[in-house]
Amino acid sequence: MSLIPKKGTVYVVDDDEAVRDMTRRALERQRHTVLDAATGEQALEVNRMFNEPIDLLITDIRMPGMSGLDLRDALVALRPGVRVLFISGHAEEFTRKELRDRQTPFLAKPFTMDQLDQAIQRAMAARPKT
């Protein structure tokens, strides 16, 4: 069971439509409000129009234009305390070097729904970036 409060809001940002849709549907089945975007720039635009709290950002690290790392920094500046879970289809060892932050929860693609739920639990238990 996920640690995100029921009816909490999760923001899924990934340029891979299949990953975004699968993740969104899984979270909606758990009764979460899900925002989604294909790019970091689109995510920030949607964020400006969304006035409710966002509990968790799930973002791909590498996307065209704004990276997930830059999106995290921008969103945390606008919404201090939002939790973050990075996802990536690249090798975890390489991605960890890129992250330079072993405390940020990370989930390698492809992943199962059980793996996603466990990663969400780690993200929600992690200290939020401020």
C-alpha atoms as a PDB file:
ATOM      1  CA  MET A   1       0.000   0.000   0.000  1.00  0.00           C
ATOM      2  CA  SER A   2       1.354   3.398  -0.979  1.00  0.00           C
ATOM      3  CA  LEU A   3       2.300   6.011   1.605  1.00  0.00           C
ATOM      4  CA  ILE A   4       0.790   8.822  -0.466  1.00  0.00           C
ATOM      5  CA  PRO A   5      -2.348   9.978   1.303  1.00  0.00           C
ATOM      6  CA  LYS A   6      -5.452   8.718  -0.478  1.00  0.00           C
ATOM      7  CA  LYS A   7      -6.637  11.313  -2.881  1.00  0.00           C
ATOM      8  CA  GLY A   8      -3.142  12.837  -2.746  1.00  0.00           C
ATOM      9  CA  THR A   9      -1.727  14.421  -5.868  1.00  0.00           C
ATOM     10  CA  VAL A  10       1.068  12.853  -7.877  1.00  0.00           C
ATOM     11  CA  TYR A  11       2.734  14.583 -10.824  1.00  0.00           C
ATOM     12  CA  VAL A  12       4.049  12.189 -13.492  1.00  0.00           C
ATOM     13  CA  VAL A  13       6.431  13.727 -16.028  1.00  0.00           C
ATOM     14  CA  ASP A  14       7.939  11.527 -18.727  1.00  0.00           C
ATOM     15  CA  ASP A  15       8.418  11.975 -22.464  1.00  0.00           C
ATOM     16  CA  ASP A  16       7.536   8.280 -22.964  1.00  0.00           C
ATOM     17  CA  GLU A  17       3.759   8.286 -23.369  1.00  0.00           C
ATOM     18  CA  ALA A  18       3.417   4.571 -22.562  1.00  0.00           C
ATOM     19  CA  VAL A  19       5.267   4.931 -19.237  1.00  0.00           C
ATOM     20  CA  ARG A  20       3.317   8.073 -18.379  1.00  0.00           C
ATOM     21  CA  ASP A  21      -0.047   6.464 -19.155  1.00  0.00           C
ATOM     22  CA  MET A  22       0.717   3.193 -17.323  1.00  0.00           C
ATOM     23  CA  THR A  23       1.896   5.081 -14.238  1.00  0.00           C
ATOM     24  CA  ARG A  24      -1.064   7.472 -14.313  1.00  0.00           C
ATOM     25  CA  ARG A  25      -3.602   4.626 -14.600  1.00  0.00           C
ATOM     26  CA  ALA A  26      -1.994   2.669 -11.749  1.00  0.00           C
ATOM     27  CA  LEU A  27      -2.072   5.710  -9.465  1.00  0.00           C
ATOM     28  CA  GLU A  28      -5.641   6.613 -10.413  1.00  0.00           C
ATOM     29  CA  ARG A  29      -6.733   3.072  -9.496  1.00  0.00           C
ATOM     30  CA  GLN A  30      -5.362   3.857  -6.038  1.00  0.00           C
ATOM     31  CA  ARG A  31      -7.592   6.985  -6.022  1.00  0.00           C
ATOM     32  CA  HIS A  32      -4.836   9.550  -6.405  1.00  0.00           C
ATOM     33  CA  THR A  33      -5.214  12.743  -8.368  1.00  0.00           C
ATOM     34  CA  VAL A  34      -2.658  12.509 -11.150  1.00  0.00           C
ATOM     35  CA  LEU A  35      -1.234  15.343 -13.184  1.00  0.00           C
ATOM     36  CA  ASP A  36       0.915  14.411 -16.136  1.00  0.00           C
ATOM     37  CA  ALA A  37       3.135  16.107 -18.660  1.00  0.00           C
ATOM     38  CA  ALA A  38       5.493  15.055 -21.448  1.00  0.00           C
ATOM     39  CA  THR A  39       8.159  17.714 -20.816  1.00  0.00           C
ATOM     40  CA  GLY A  40       9.533  19.750 -17.947  1.00  0.00           C
ATOM     41  CA  GLU A  41       8.377  22.947 -19.590  1.00  0.00           C
ATOM     42  CA  GLN A  42       4.830  21.604 -19.944  1.00  0.00           C
ATOM     43  CA  ALA A  43       4.945  20.427 -16.323  1.00  0.00           C
ATOM     44  CA  LEU A  44       5.791  23.913 -15.069  1.00  0.00           C
ATOM     45  CA  GLU A  45       2.983  25.422 -17.168  1.00  0.00           C
ATOM     46  CA  VAL A  46       0.426  22.960 -15.744  1.00  0.00           C
ATOM     47  CA  ASN A  47       1.824  23.621 -12.264  1.00  0.00           C
ATOM     48  CA  ARG A  48       1.042  27.340 -12.629  1.00  0.00           C
ATOM     49  CA  MET A  49      -2.624  26.484 -13.227  1.00  0.00           C
ATOM     50  CA  PHE A  50      -2.915  23.901 -10.427  1.00  0.00           C
ATOM     51  CA  ASN A  51      -3.642  25.461  -7.040  1.00  0.00           C
ATOM     52  CA  GLU A  52      -3.821  22.328  -4.871  1.00  0.00           C
ATOM     53  CA  PRO A  53      -0.841  20.743  -3.076  1.00  0.00           C
ATOM     54  CA  ILE A  54       1.333  18.257  -4.966  1.00  0.00           C
ATOM     55  CA  ASP A  55       2.528  15.377  -2.780  1.00  0.00           C
ATOM     56  CA  LEU A  56       4.970  13.676  -5.143  1.00  0.00           C
ATOM     57  CA  LEU A  57       6.775  14.367  -8.419  1.00  0.00           C
ATOM     58  CA  ILE A  58       7.673  11.260 -10.437  1.00  0.00           C
ATOM     59  CA  THR A  59       9.932  12.343 -13.280  1.00  0.00           C
ATOM     60  CA  ASP A  60      12.180  10.852 -15.896  1.00  0.00           C
ATOM     61  CA  ILE A  61      15.728  12.167 -15.559  1.00  0.00           C
ATOM     62  CA  ARG A  62      16.419  12.597 -19.258  1.00  0.00           C
ATOM     63  CA  MET A  63      13.838  14.336 -21.393  1.00  0.00           C
ATOM     64  CA  PRO A  64      14.045  16.657 -24.387  1.00  0.00           C
ATOM     65  CA  GLY A  65      14.532  20.240 -23.271  1.00  0.00           C
ATOM     66  CA  MET A  66      14.407  20.523 -19.497  1.00  0.00           C
ATOM     67  CA  SER A  67      15.859  17.535 -17.637  1.00  0.00           C
ATOM     68  CA  GLY A  68      14.113  15.912 -14.703  1.00  0.00           C
ATOM     69  CA  LEU A  69      16.879  17.262 -12.462  1.00  0.00           C
ATOM     70  CA  ASP A  70      16.141  20.824 -13.567  1.00  0.00           C
ATOM     71  CA  LEU A  71      12.394  20.215 -13.252  1.00  0.00           C
ATOM     72  CA  ARG A  72      12.889  18.964  -9.696  1.00  0.00           C
ATOM     73  CA  ASP A  73      14.845  22.096  -8.790  1.00  0.00           C
ATOM     74  CA  ALA A  74      12.254  24.404 -10.370  1.00  0.00           C
ATOM     75  CA  LEU A  75       9.243  22.639  -8.840  1.00  0.00           C
ATOM     76  CA  VAL A  76      10.800  22.430  -5.370  1.00  0.00           C
ATOM     77  CA  ALA A  77      11.491  26.182  -5.551  1.00  0.00           C
ATOM     78  CA  LEU A  78       7.793  26.751  -6.288  1.00  0.00           C
ATOM     79  CA  ARG A  79       6.480  24.039  -3.952  1.00  0.00           C
ATOM     80  CA  PRO A  80       8.885  23.463  -1.066  1.00  0.00           C
ATOM     81  CA  GLY A  81       8.411  20.081   0.536  1.00  0.00           C
ATOM     82  CA  VAL A  82       7.287  18.184  -2.572  1.00  0.00           C
ATOM     83  CA  ARG A  83       8.746  14.675  -2.587  1.00  0.00           C
ATOM     84  CA  VAL A  84      10.569  13.401  -5.692  1.00  0.00           C
ATOM     85  CA  LEU A  85      11.035  10.008  -7.340  1.00  0.00           C
ATOM     86  CA  PHE A  86      13.335   9.814 -10.365  1.00  0.00           C
ATOM     87  CA  ILE A  87      12.799   7.179 -13.026  1.00  0.00           C
ATOM     88  CA  SER A  88      15.102   6.344 -15.922  1.00  0.00           C
ATOM     89  CA  GLY A  89      15.688   3.729 -18.573  1.00  0.00           C
ATOM     90  CA  HIS A  90      19.449   4.188 -18.283  1.00  0.00           C
ATOM     91  CA  ALA A  91      21.692   2.013 -16.150  1.00  0.00           C
ATOM     92  CA  GLU A  92      21.288   2.848 -12.464  1.00  0.00           C
ATOM     93  CA  GLU A  93      25.040   3.149 -11.861  1.00  0.00           C
ATOM     94  CA  PHE A  94      25.383   5.787 -14.586  1.00  0.00           C
ATOM     95  CA  THR A  95      22.236   7.555 -13.441  1.00  0.00           C
ATOM     96  CA  ARG A  96      23.400   7.634  -9.807  1.00  0.00           C
ATOM     97  CA  LYS A  97      26.612   9.389 -10.893  1.00  0.00           C
ATOM     98  CA  GLU A  98      24.493  11.859 -12.814  1.00  0.00           C
ATOM     99  CA  LEU A  99      22.202  12.434  -9.823  1.00  0.00           C
ATOM    100  CA  ARG A 100      25.080  12.975  -7.368  1.00  0.00           C
ATOM    101  CA  ASP A 101      22.479  12.443  -4.675  1.00  0.00           C
ATOM    102  CA  ARG A 102      22.126   8.904  -3.405  1.00  0.00           C
ATOM    103  CA  GLN A 103      19.319   9.985  -1.083  1.00  0.00           C
ATOM    104  CA  THR A 104      16.871  10.749  -3.893  1.00  0.00           C
ATOM    105  CA  PRO A 105      14.747   7.663  -4.598  1.00  0.00           C
ATOM    106  CA  PHE A 106      15.342   6.184  -8.045  1.00  0.00           C
ATOM    107  CA  LEU A 107      13.499   3.533 -10.042  1.00  0.00           C
ATOM    108  CA  ALA A 108      14.944   1.929 -13.180  1.00  0.00           C
ATOM    109  CA  LYS A 109      12.700   1.359 -16.205  1.00  0.00           C
ATOM    110  CA  PRO A 110      11.065  -0.923 -17.022  1.00  0.00           C
ATOM    111  CA  PHE A 111       9.360  -1.436 -13.675  1.00  0.00           C
ATOM    112  CA  THR A 112       6.409  -3.347 -12.284  1.00  0.00           C
ATOM    113  CA  MET A 113       3.572  -1.786 -10.348  1.00  0.00           C
ATOM    114  CA  ASP A 114       4.906  -3.416  -7.163  1.00  0.00           C
ATOM    115  CA  GLN A 115       8.321  -1.849  -7.789  1.00  0.00           C
ATOM    116  CA  LEU A 116       6.660   1.503  -8.418  1.00  0.00           C
ATOM    117  CA  ASP A 117       4.716   1.262  -5.173  1.00  0.00           C
ATOM    118  CA  GLN A 118       7.877   0.387  -3.207  1.00  0.00           C
ATOM    119  CA  ALA A 119       9.743   3.305  -4.797  1.00  0.00           C
ATOM    120  CA  ILE A 120       6.871   5.647  -3.942  1.00  0.00           C
ATOM    121  CA  GLN A 121       7.060   4.473  -0.333  1.00  0.00           C
ATOM    122  CA  ARG A 122      10.802   5.272  -0.269  1.00  0.00           C
ATOM    123  CA  ALA A 123      10.154   8.680  -1.839  1.00  0.00           C
ATOM    124  CA  MET A 124       7.434   9.559   0.656  1.00  0.00           C
ATOM    125  CA  ALA A 125       9.633   8.476   3.567  1.00  0.00           C
ATOM    126  CA  ALA A 126      12.592  10.531   2.307  1.00  0.00           C
ATOM    127  CA  ARG A 127      13.184  13.991   3.635  1.00  0.00           C
ATOM    128  CA  PRO A 128      11.731  16.507   1.177  1.00  0.00           C
ATOM    129  CA  LYS A 129      14.072  18.822  -0.732  1.00  0.00           C
ATOM    130  CA  THR A 130      13.910  22.411   0.391  1.00  0.00           C
END
